[in-house]
PDB file of all heavy atoms in Angstrom:
ATOM      1  N   SER A   1     -57.718  26.180  12.887  1.00  0.00           N
ATOM      2  CA  SER A   1     -56.450  25.471  12.954  1.00  0.00           C
ATOM      3  C   SER A   1     -55.304  26.217  12.273  1.00  0.00           C
ATOM      4  O   SER A   1     -54.146  25.811  12.398  1.00  0.00           O
ATOM      5  CB  SER A   1     -56.580  24.073  12.350  1.00  0.00           C
ATOM      6  OG  SER A   1     -56.930  24.143  10.979  1.00  0.00           O
ATOM      7  N   SER A   2     -55.596  27.301  11.570  1.00  0.00           N
ATOM      8  CA  SER A   2     -54.568  28.109  10.920  1.00  0.00           C
ATOM      9  C   SER A   2     -53.925  29.118  11.873  1.00  0.00           C
ATOM     10  O   SER A   2     -52.951  29.765  11.507  1.00  0.00           O
ATOM     11  CB  SER A   2     -55.151  28.871   9.724  1.00  0.00           C
ATOM     12  OG  SER A   2     -55.632  27.975   8.740  1.00  0.00           O
ATOM     13  N   TYR A   3     -54.462  29.248  13.072  1.00  0.00           N
ATOM     14  CA  TYR A   3     -54.025  30.277  14.006  1.00  0.00           C
ATOM     15  C   TYR A   3     -53.298  29.709  15.217  1.00  0.00           C
ATOM     16  O   TYR A   3     -53.720  28.704  15.797  1.00  0.00           O
ATOM     17  CB  TYR A   3     -55.221  31.096  14.496  1.00  0.00           C
ATOM     18  CG  TYR A   3     -55.874  31.928  13.427  1.00  0.00           C
ATOM     19  CD1 TYR A   3     -56.872  31.392  12.622  1.00  0.00           C
ATOM     20  CD2 TYR A   3     -55.491  33.249  13.233  1.00  0.00           C
ATOM     21  CE1 TYR A   3     -57.463  32.161  11.628  1.00  0.00           C
ATOM     22  CE2 TYR A   3     -56.082  34.019  12.244  1.00  0.00           C
ATOM     23  CZ  TYR A   3     -57.067  33.464  11.447  1.00  0.00           C
ATOM     24  OH  TYR A   3     -57.653  34.235  10.468  1.00  0.00           O
ATOM     25  N   PHE A   4     -52.211  30.389  15.586  1.00  0.00           N
ATOM     26  CA  PHE A   4     -51.668  30.212  16.922  1.00  0.00           C
ATOM     27  C   PHE A   4     -52.657  30.857  17.888  1.00  0.00           C
ATOM     28  O   PHE A   4     -53.257  31.888  17.583  1.00  0.00           O
ATOM     29  CB  PHE A   4     -50.310  30.894  17.059  1.00  0.00           C
ATOM     30  CG  PHE A   4     -49.195  30.196  16.333  1.00  0.00           C
ATOM     31  CD1 PHE A   4     -48.989  30.390  14.980  1.00  0.00           C
ATOM     32  CD2 PHE A   4     -48.340  29.352  17.017  1.00  0.00           C
ATOM     33  CE1 PHE A   4     -47.962  29.756  14.314  1.00  0.00           C
ATOM     34  CE2 PHE A   4     -47.296  28.712  16.360  1.00  0.00           C
ATOM     35  CZ  PHE A   4     -47.110  28.911  15.007  1.00  0.00           C
ATOM     36  N   MET A   5     -52.818  30.269  19.051  1.00  0.00           N
ATOM     37  CA  MET A   5     -53.726  30.811  20.049  1.00  0.00           C
ATOM     38  C   MET A   5     -52.961  31.108  21.335  1.00  0.00           C
ATOM     39  O   MET A   5     -52.087  30.342  21.738  1.00  0.00           O
ATOM     40  CB  MET A   5     -54.858  29.833  20.341  1.00  0.00           C
ATOM     41  CG  MET A   5     -55.751  29.536  19.142  1.00  0.00           C
ATOM     42  SD  MET A   5     -56.637  31.013  18.536  1.00  0.00           S
ATOM     43  CE  MET A   5     -57.655  31.410  19.965  1.00  0.00           C
ATOM     44  N   GLY A   6     -53.324  32.215  21.954  1.00  0.00           N
ATOM     45  CA  GLY A   6     -52.644  32.606  23.174  1.00  0.00           C
ATOM     46  C   GLY A   6     -53.595  33.122  24.234  1.00  0.00           C
ATOM     47  O   GLY A   6     -54.741  33.484  23.945  1.00  0.00           O
ATOM     48  N   TRP A   7     -53.109  33.124  25.460  1.00  0.00           N
ATOM     49  CA  TRP A   7     -53.814  33.724  26.591  1.00  0.00           C
ATOM     50  C   TRP A   7     -52.944  34.828  27.181  1.00  0.00           C
ATOM     51  O   TRP A   7     -51.740  34.635  27.395  1.00  0.00           O
ATOM     52  CB  TRP A   7     -54.126  32.694  27.675  1.00  0.00           C
ATOM     53  CG  TRP A   7     -55.222  31.741  27.329  1.00  0.00           C
ATOM     54  CD1 TRP A   7     -55.093  30.492  26.808  1.00  0.00           C
ATOM     55  CD2 TRP A   7     -56.629  31.961  27.501  1.00  0.00           C
ATOM     56  NE1 TRP A   7     -56.323  29.918  26.643  1.00  0.00           N
ATOM     57  CE2 TRP A   7     -57.284  30.789  27.056  1.00  0.00           C
ATOM     58  CE3 TRP A   7     -57.391  33.019  27.979  1.00  0.00           C
ATOM     59  CZ2 TRP A   7     -58.673  30.657  27.080  1.00  0.00           C
ATOM     60  CZ3 TRP A   7     -58.771  32.889  28.002  1.00  0.00           C
ATOM     61  CH2 TRP A   7     -59.397  31.722  27.559  1.00  0.00           C
ATOM     62  N   PHE A   8     -53.568  35.965  27.433  1.00  0.00           N
ATOM     63  CA  PHE A   8     -52.924  37.101  28.078  1.00  0.00           C
ATOM     64  C   PHE A   8     -53.786  37.539  29.250  1.00  0.00           C
ATOM     65  O   PHE A   8     -54.978  37.245  29.301  1.00  0.00           O
ATOM     66  CB  PHE A   8     -52.746  38.265  27.098  1.00  0.00           C
ATOM     67  CG  PHE A   8     -51.782  37.990  25.978  1.00  0.00           C
ATOM     68  CD1 PHE A   8     -52.165  37.219  24.890  1.00  0.00           C
ATOM     69  CD2 PHE A   8     -50.494  38.498  26.013  1.00  0.00           C
ATOM     70  CE1 PHE A   8     -51.280  36.961  23.852  1.00  0.00           C
ATOM     71  CE2 PHE A   8     -49.602  38.250  24.984  1.00  0.00           C
ATOM     72  CZ  PHE A   8     -49.997  37.480  23.902  1.00  0.00           C
ATOM     73  N   ARG A   9     -53.191  38.255  30.179  1.00  0.00           N
ATOM     74  CA  ARG A   9     -53.970  38.768  31.306  1.00  0.00           C
ATOM     75  C   ARG A   9     -53.552  40.191  31.620  1.00  0.00           C
ATOM     76  O   ARG A   9     -52.428  40.610  31.354  1.00  0.00           O
ATOM     77  CB  ARG A   9     -53.808  37.880  32.542  1.00  0.00           C
ATOM     78  CG  ARG A   9     -52.412  37.856  33.143  1.00  0.00           C
ATOM     79  CD  ARG A   9     -52.328  36.796  34.230  1.00  0.00           C
ATOM     80  NE  ARG A   9     -51.027  36.783  34.877  1.00  0.00           N
ATOM     81  CZ  ARG A   9     -50.638  35.872  35.757  1.00  0.00           C
ATOM     82  NH1 ARG A   9     -51.468  34.888  36.109  1.00  0.00           N
ATOM     83  NH2 ARG A   9     -49.428  35.935  36.300  1.00  0.00           N
ATOM     84  N   GLN A  10     -54.489  40.927  32.206  1.00  0.00           N
ATOM     85  CA  GLN A  10     -54.228  42.310  32.566  1.00  0.00           C
ATOM     86  C   GLN A  10     -54.929  42.641  33.877  1.00  0.00           C
ATOM     87  O   GLN A  10     -56.144  42.516  33.983  1.00  0.00           O
ATOM     88  CB  GLN A  10     -54.695  43.264  31.470  1.00  0.00           C
ATOM     89  CG  GLN A  10     -54.281  44.704  31.697  1.00  0.00           C
ATOM     90  CD  GLN A  10     -54.464  45.559  30.455  1.00  0.00           C
ATOM     91  OE1 GLN A  10     -55.302  45.271  29.611  1.00  0.00           O
ATOM     92  NE2 GLN A  10     -53.668  46.607  30.352  1.00  0.00           N
ATOM     93  N   ALA A  11     -54.139  43.046  34.853  1.00  0.00           N
ATOM     94  CA  ALA A  11     -54.657  43.495  36.129  1.00  0.00           C
ATOM     95  C   ALA A  11     -54.739  45.014  36.119  1.00  0.00           C
ATOM     96  O   ALA A  11     -54.012  45.676  35.367  1.00  0.00           O
ATOM     97  CB  ALA A  11     -53.758  43.016  37.264  1.00  0.00           C
ATOM     98  N   PRO A  12     -55.610  45.606  36.947  1.00  0.00           N
ATOM     99  CA  PRO A  12     -55.727  47.070  36.987  1.00  0.00           C
ATOM    100  C   PRO A  12     -54.387  47.748  37.246  1.00  0.00           C
ATOM    101  O   PRO A  12     -53.654  47.372  38.164  1.00  0.00           O
ATOM    102  CB  PRO A  12     -56.700  47.311  38.144  1.00  0.00           C
ATOM    103  CG  PRO A  12     -57.527  46.070  38.189  1.00  0.00           C
ATOM    104  CD  PRO A  12     -56.569  44.959  37.847  1.00  0.00           C
ATOM    105  N   GLY A  13     -54.064  48.736  36.420  1.00  0.00           N
ATOM    106  CA  GLY A  13     -52.830  49.480  36.581  1.00  0.00           C
ATOM    107  C   GLY A  13     -51.589  48.779  36.080  1.00  0.00           C
ATOM    108  O   GLY A  13     -50.485  49.303  36.246  1.00  0.00           O
ATOM    109  N   LYS A  14     -51.741  47.615  35.461  1.00  0.00           N
ATOM    110  CA  LYS A  14     -50.594  46.872  34.976  1.00  0.00           C
ATOM    111  C   LYS A  14     -50.669  46.660  33.468  1.00  0.00           C
ATOM    112  O   LYS A  14     -51.732  46.759  32.867  1.00  0.00           O
ATOM    113  CB  LYS A  14     -50.488  45.518  35.680  1.00  0.00           C
ATOM    114  CG  LYS A  14     -50.186  45.599  37.166  1.00  0.00           C
ATOM    115  CD  LYS A  14     -49.976  44.226  37.758  1.00  0.00           C
ATOM    116  CE  LYS A  14     -49.601  44.301  39.222  1.00  0.00           C
ATOM    117  NZ  LYS A  14     -49.367  42.951  39.799  1.00  0.00           N
ATOM    118  N   GLU A  15     -49.519  46.369  32.881  1.00  0.00           N
ATOM    119  CA  GLU A  15     -49.456  46.071  31.457  1.00  0.00           C
ATOM    120  C   GLU A  15     -50.065  44.704  31.179  1.00  0.00           C
ATOM    121  O   GLU A  15     -50.065  43.818  32.030  1.00  0.00           O
ATOM    122  CB  GLU A  15     -48.006  46.088  30.980  1.00  0.00           C
ATOM    123  CG  GLU A  15     -47.298  47.419  31.104  1.00  0.00           C
ATOM    124  CD  GLU A  15     -47.702  48.388  30.022  1.00  0.00           C
ATOM    125  OE1 GLU A  15     -48.121  47.934  28.934  1.00  0.00           O
ATOM    126  OE2 GLU A  15     -47.611  49.597  30.252  1.00  0.00           O
ATOM    127  N   ARG A  16     -50.585  44.559  29.979  1.00  0.00           N
ATOM    128  CA  ARG A  16     -51.058  43.249  29.554  1.00  0.00           C
ATOM    129  C   ARG A  16     -49.857  42.316  29.418  1.00  0.00           C
ATOM    130  O   ARG A  16     -48.847  42.657  28.796  1.00  0.00           O
ATOM    131  CB  ARG A  16     -51.799  43.367  28.223  1.00  0.00           C
ATOM    132  CG  ARG A  16     -52.373  42.060  27.716  1.00  0.00           C
ATOM    133  CD  ARG A  16     -53.335  42.294  26.563  1.00  0.00           C
ATOM    134  NE  ARG A  16     -54.495  43.063  26.984  1.00  0.00           N
ATOM    135  CZ  ARG A  16     -55.538  43.331  26.210  1.00  0.00           C
ATOM    136  NH1 ARG A  16     -55.562  42.884  24.963  1.00  0.00           N
ATOM    137  NH2 ARG A  16     -56.550  44.052  26.672  1.00  0.00           N
ATOM    138  N   GLU A  17     -49.954  41.134  30.007  1.00  0.00           N
ATOM    139  CA  GLU A  17     -48.826  40.225  30.005  1.00  0.00           C
ATOM    140  C   GLU A  17     -49.180  38.868  29.414  1.00  0.00           C
ATOM    141  O   GLU A  17     -50.308  38.386  29.527  1.00  0.00           O
ATOM    142  CB  GLU A  17     -48.264  40.046  31.423  1.00  0.00           C
ATOM    143  CG  GLU A  17     -49.191  39.356  32.396  1.00  0.00           C
ATOM    144  CD  GLU A  17     -48.534  39.062  33.736  1.00  0.00           C
ATOM    145  OE1 GLU A  17     -47.293  39.176  33.840  1.00  0.00           O
ATOM    146  OE2 GLU A  17     -49.262  38.710  34.687  1.00  0.00           O
ATOM    147  N   PHE A  18     -48.185  38.271  28.803  1.00  0.00           N
ATOM    148  CA  PHE A  18     -48.319  36.958  28.209  1.00  0.00           C
ATOM    149  C   PHE A  18     -48.485  35.899  29.280  1.00  0.00           C
ATOM    150  O   PHE A  18     -47.817  35.929  30.311  1.00  0.00           O
ATOM    151  CB  PHE A  18     -47.071  36.667  27.368  1.00  0.00           C
ATOM    152  CG  PHE A  18     -46.971  35.256  26.877  1.00  0.00           C
ATOM    153  CD1 PHE A  18     -47.741  34.814  25.817  1.00  0.00           C
ATOM    154  CD2 PHE A  18     -46.090  34.364  27.469  1.00  0.00           C
ATOM    155  CE1 PHE A  18     -47.642  33.514  25.358  1.00  0.00           C
ATOM    156  CE2 PHE A  18     -45.982  33.066  27.014  1.00  0.00           C
ATOM    157  CZ  PHE A  18     -46.760  32.643  25.960  1.00  0.00           C
ATOM    158  N   VAL A  19     -49.371  34.942  29.031  1.00  0.00           N
ATOM    159  CA  VAL A  19     -49.592  33.837  29.952  1.00  0.00           C
ATOM    160  C   VAL A  19     -49.188  32.508  29.327  1.00  0.00           C
ATOM    161  O   VAL A  19     -48.364  31.777  29.870  1.00  0.00           O
ATOM    162  CB  VAL A  19     -51.058  33.763  30.413  1.00  0.00           C
ATOM    163  CG1 VAL A  19     -51.283  32.545  31.299  1.00  0.00           C
ATOM    164  CG2 VAL A  19     -51.445  35.041  31.147  1.00  0.00           C
ATOM    165  N   ALA A  20     -49.768  32.203  28.173  1.00  0.00           N
ATOM    166  CA  ALA A  20     -49.504  30.928  27.521  1.00  0.00           C
ATOM    167  C   ALA A  20     -49.920  30.998  26.061  1.00  0.00           C
ATOM    168  O   ALA A  20     -50.753  31.816  25.680  1.00  0.00           O
ATOM    169  CB  ALA A  20     -50.252  29.789  28.218  1.00  0.00           C
ATOM    170  N   ALA A  21     -49.346  30.124  25.241  1.00  0.00           N
ATOM    171  CA  ALA A  21     -49.715  30.054  23.835  1.00  0.00           C
ATOM    172  C   ALA A  21     -49.519  28.636  23.333  1.00  0.00           C
ATOM    173  O   ALA A  21     -48.779  27.847  23.923  1.00  0.00           O
ATOM    174  CB  ALA A  21     -48.893  31.038  22.998  1.00  0.00           C
ATOM    175  N   ILE A  22     -50.176  28.339  22.207  1.00  0.00           N
ATOM    176  CA  ILE A  22     -50.140  27.000  21.656  1.00  0.00           C
ATOM    177  C   ILE A  22     -50.075  27.066  20.140  1.00  0.00           C
ATOM    178  O   ILE A  22     -50.659  27.957  19.516  1.00  0.00           O
ATOM    179  CB  ILE A  22     -51.371  26.188  22.140  1.00  0.00           C
ATOM    180  CG1 ILE A  22     -51.245  24.713  21.775  1.00  0.00           C
ATOM    181  CG2 ILE A  22     -52.669  26.797  21.595  1.00  0.00           C
ATOM    182  CD1 ILE A  22     -52.263  23.840  22.510  1.00  0.00           C
ATOM    183  N   SER A  23     -49.358  26.135  19.545  1.00  0.00           N
ATOM    184  CA  SER A  23     -49.188  26.104  18.104  1.00  0.00           C
ATOM    185  C   SER A  23     -50.467  25.665  17.404  1.00  0.00           C
ATOM    186  O   SER A  23     -51.439  25.259  18.034  1.00  0.00           O
ATOM    187  CB  SER A  23     -48.038  25.172  17.726  1.00  0.00           C
ATOM    188  OG  SER A  23     -48.319  23.835  18.111  1.00  0.00           O
ATOM    189  N   ARG A  24     -50.445  25.749  16.086  1.00  0.00           N
ATOM    190  CA  ARG A  24     -51.642  25.457  15.302  1.00  0.00           C
ATOM    191  C   ARG A  24     -52.172  24.041  15.491  1.00  0.00           C
ATOM    192  O   ARG A  24     -53.382  23.829  15.609  1.00  0.00           O
ATOM    193  CB  ARG A  24     -51.366  25.734  13.823  1.00  0.00           C
ATOM    194  CG  ARG A  24     -51.252  27.223  13.489  1.00  0.00           C
ATOM    195  CD  ARG A  24     -50.625  27.458  12.136  1.00  0.00           C
ATOM    196  NE  ARG A  24     -49.210  27.120  12.124  1.00  0.00           N
ATOM    197  CZ  ARG A  24     -48.307  27.728  11.377  1.00  0.00           C
ATOM    198  NH1 ARG A  24     -48.674  28.724  10.557  1.00  0.00           N
ATOM    199  NH2 ARG A  24     -47.042  27.341  11.422  1.00  0.00           N
ATOM    200  N   SER A  25     -51.273  23.090  15.546  1.00  0.00           N
ATOM    201  CA  SER A  25     -51.667  21.699  15.721  1.00  0.00           C
ATOM    202  C   SER A  25     -51.833  21.311  17.188  1.00  0.00           C
ATOM    203  O   SER A  25     -52.391  20.250  17.484  1.00  0.00           O
ATOM    204  CB  SER A  25     -50.638  20.779  15.080  1.00  0.00           C
ATOM    205  OG  SER A  25     -49.405  20.841  15.768  1.00  0.00           O
ATOM    206  N   GLY A  26     -51.346  22.153  18.079  1.00  0.00           N
ATOM    207  CA  GLY A  26     -51.365  21.836  19.490  1.00  0.00           C
ATOM    208  C   GLY A  26     -50.158  21.056  19.962  1.00  0.00           C
ATOM    209  O   GLY A  26     -50.100  20.651  21.126  1.00  0.00           O
ATOM    210  N   SER A  27     -49.185  20.858  19.082  1.00  0.00           N
ATOM    211  CA  SER A  27     -48.030  20.051  19.425  1.00  0.00           C
ATOM    212  C   SER A  27     -46.997  20.788  20.269  1.00  0.00           C
ATOM    213  O   SER A  27     -46.176  20.151  20.931  1.00  0.00           O
ATOM    214  CB  SER A  27     -47.365  19.518  18.157  1.00  0.00           C
ATOM    215  OG  SER A  27     -46.913  20.576  17.331  1.00  0.00           O
TER     216      SER A  27
END
């Protein structure tokens, strides 16, 4: 619960890109 959590994605030949993130409490 002390960490922000995020999702990233990377397709072949492309930069890693941000998808979504959520705060510590989920709010």
